[in-house]
C-alpha atoms as a PDB file:
ATOM      1  CA  MET A   1     129.222 238.938 103.569  1.00  0.00           C
ATOM      2  CA  ALA A   2     132.479 239.174 101.645  1.00  0.00           C
ATOM      3  CA  ALA A   3     132.977 237.218  98.441  1.00  0.00           C
ATOM      4  CA  THR A   4     135.057 234.051  98.626  1.00  0.00           C
ATOM      5  CA  ARG A   5     138.408 234.666  96.988  1.00  0.00           C
ATOM      6  CA  LEU A   6     139.230 231.970  94.429  1.00  0.00           C
ATOM      7  CA  VAL A   7     142.320 231.268  92.329  1.00  0.00           C
ATOM      8  CA  LEU A   8     142.073 229.413  89.017  1.00  0.00           C
ATOM      9  CA  LEU A   9     145.319 228.105  87.578  1.00  0.00           C
ATOM     10  CA  GLY A  10     144.926 227.912  83.823  1.00  0.00           C
ATOM     11  CA  GLY A  11     142.921 230.111  81.520  1.00  0.00           C
ATOM     12  CA  GLY A  12     142.012 227.606  78.839  1.00  0.00           C
ATOM     13  CA  LYS A  13     138.450 226.923  77.772  1.00  0.00           C
ATOM     14  CA  ILE A  14     137.530 225.215  81.055  1.00  0.00           C
ATOM     15  CA  GLY A  15     139.238 227.828  83.237  1.00  0.00           C
ATOM     16  CA  ASP A  16     137.527 230.603  81.292  1.00  0.00           C
ATOM     17  CA  ALA A  17     134.107 228.958  81.662  1.00  0.00           C
ATOM     18  CA  ILE A  18     134.594 228.386  85.403  1.00  0.00           C
ATOM     19  CA  ALA A  19     135.774 231.970  85.950  1.00  0.00           C
ATOM     20  CA  ASP A  20     132.775 233.329  84.039  1.00  0.00           C
ATOM     21  CA  LEU A  21     130.267 231.188  85.930  1.00  0.00           C
ATOM     22  CA  LEU A  22     131.663 231.846  89.394  1.00  0.00           C
ATOM     23  CA  SER A  23     132.306 235.555  88.977  1.00  0.00           C
ATOM     24  CA  ALA A  24     128.805 236.054  87.544  1.00  0.00           C
ATOM     25  CA  THR A  25     127.247 234.819  90.797  1.00  0.00           C
ATOM     26  CA  GLY A  26     128.771 237.694  92.754  1.00  0.00           C
ATOM     27  CA  ASP A  27     129.725 235.199  95.468  1.00  0.00           C
ATOM     28  CA  TYR A  28     133.318 234.814  94.302  1.00  0.00           C
ATOM     29  CA  ASP A  29     136.225 237.164  93.766  1.00  0.00           C
ATOM     30  CA  VAL A  30     138.102 235.271  91.025  1.00  0.00           C
ATOM     31  CA  ILE A  31     141.597 235.578  89.597  1.00  0.00           C
ATOM     32  CA  VAL A  32     142.847 233.509  86.663  1.00  0.00           C
ATOM     33  CA  HIS A  33     146.566 232.777  86.338  1.00  0.00           C
ATOM     34  CA  ASP A  34     148.219 231.347  83.234  1.00  0.00           C
ATOM     35  CA  ARG A  35     151.822 231.265  82.096  1.00  0.00           C
ATOM     36  CA  ASP A  36     150.787 232.356  78.578  1.00  0.00           C
ATOM     37  CA  GLU A  37     149.812 236.025  78.454  1.00  0.00           C
ATOM     38  CA  GLY A  38     148.171 235.385  75.080  1.00  0.00           C
ATOM     39  CA  VAL A  39     145.758 232.993  76.777  1.00  0.00           C
ATOM     40  CA  LEU A  40     144.912 235.650  79.348  1.00  0.00           C
ATOM     41  CA  GLU A  41     144.256 238.186  76.601  1.00  0.00           C
ATOM     42  CA  ARG A  42     141.866 235.777  74.842  1.00  0.00           C
ATOM     43  CA  LEU A  43     139.709 235.162  77.917  1.00  0.00           C
ATOM     44  CA  SER A  44     136.144 236.315  77.569  1.00  0.00           C
ATOM     45  CA  PRO A  45     135.341 239.693  79.081  1.00  0.00           C
ATOM     46  CA  GLY A  46     134.484 239.148  82.708  1.00  0.00           C
ATOM     47  CA  THR A  47     134.557 240.649  86.130  1.00  0.00           C
ATOM     48  CA  TYR A  48     137.584 238.663  87.225  1.00  0.00           C
ATOM     49  CA  GLU A  49     141.276 239.480  87.278  1.00  0.00           C
ATOM     50  CA  ARG A  50     143.882 237.953  84.986  1.00  0.00           C
ATOM     51  CA  ARG A  51     147.587 237.699  85.762  1.00  0.00           C
ATOM     52  CA  PRO A  52     150.517 235.856  84.217  1.00  0.00           C
ATOM     53  CA  LEU A  53     152.132 233.212  86.426  1.00  0.00           C
ATOM     54  CA  ASP A  54     154.493 230.320  85.803  1.00  0.00           C
ATOM     55  CA  VAL A  55     153.108 227.656  88.129  1.00  0.00           C
ATOM     56  CA  GLY A  56     156.318 225.694  87.596  1.00  0.00           C
ATOM     57  CA  ASP A  57     158.085 228.273  89.766  1.00  0.00           C
ATOM     58  CA  PRO A  58     157.216 227.305  93.362  1.00  0.00           C
ATOM     59  CA  ALA A  59     158.252 230.673  94.810  1.00  0.00           C
ATOM     60  CA  ALA A  60     156.160 232.632  92.299  1.00  0.00           C
ATOM     61  CA  LEU A  61     153.170 230.347  92.886  1.00  0.00           C
ATOM     62  CA  ALA A  62     153.430 230.677  96.674  1.00  0.00           C
ATOM     63  CA  ALA A  63     153.710 234.463  96.436  1.00  0.00           C
ATOM     64  CA  ALA A  64     150.719 234.730  94.087  1.00  0.00           C
ATOM     65  CA  LEU A  65     148.551 232.545  96.316  1.00  0.00           C
ATOM     66  CA  TYR A  66     149.575 234.458  99.420  1.00  0.00           C
ATOM     67  CA  LEU A  67     148.889 237.839  97.858  1.00  0.00           C
ATOM     68  CA  TRP A  68     145.457 236.823  96.572  1.00  0.00           C
ATOM     69  CA  LEU A  69     144.219 234.660  99.424  1.00  0.00           C
ATOM     70  CA  ALA A  70     145.984 235.239 102.721  1.00  0.00           C
ATOM     71  CA  GLU A  71     146.908 238.907 102.731  1.00  0.00           C
ATOM     72  CA  PRO A  72     143.383 240.347 102.315  1.00  0.00           C
ATOM     73  CA  ALA A  73     142.044 238.014 104.992  1.00  0.00           C
ATOM     74  CA  LEU A  74     144.744 239.189 107.385  1.00  0.00           C
ATOM     75  CA  THR A  75     144.604 242.890 106.590  1.00  0.00           C
ATOM     76  CA  GLU A  76     140.829 243.287 106.327  1.00  0.00           C
ATOM     77  CA  GLY A  77     139.917 241.185 109.345  1.00  0.00           C
ATOM     78  CA  ASN A  78     138.039 238.905 106.956  1.00  0.00           C
ATOM     79  CA  ASP A  79     137.421 235.471 108.454  1.00  0.00           C
ATOM     80  CA  GLU A  80     135.682 234.092 105.360  1.00  0.00           C
ATOM     81  CA  PRO A  81     137.032 230.799 104.000  1.00  0.00           C
ATOM     82  CA  VAL A  82     139.284 230.824 100.982  1.00  0.00           C
ATOM     83  CA  ALA A  83     139.335 228.302  98.142  1.00  0.00           C
ATOM     84  CA  VAL A  84     141.994 227.224  95.680  1.00  0.00           C
ATOM     85  CA  ALA A  85     141.045 225.233  92.593  1.00  0.00           C
END
């Protein structure tokens, strides 16, 4: 079964802890977005992706969510549910 793809918006202490916990299970494919690249660089080493994103830009947010969540499900024939937190 494929891992559930999950987007976390915000890489502060809580976002970092959630990303660590979920990615460690192996059940989730996690990406953390934050507008501050310095925050992304300070995240604890983990098995999840980190990318800068200004969530105040609706077009950038929609594109990031589509690329992470919808596109793989469409291109890989994956019918697993997706989650956004």
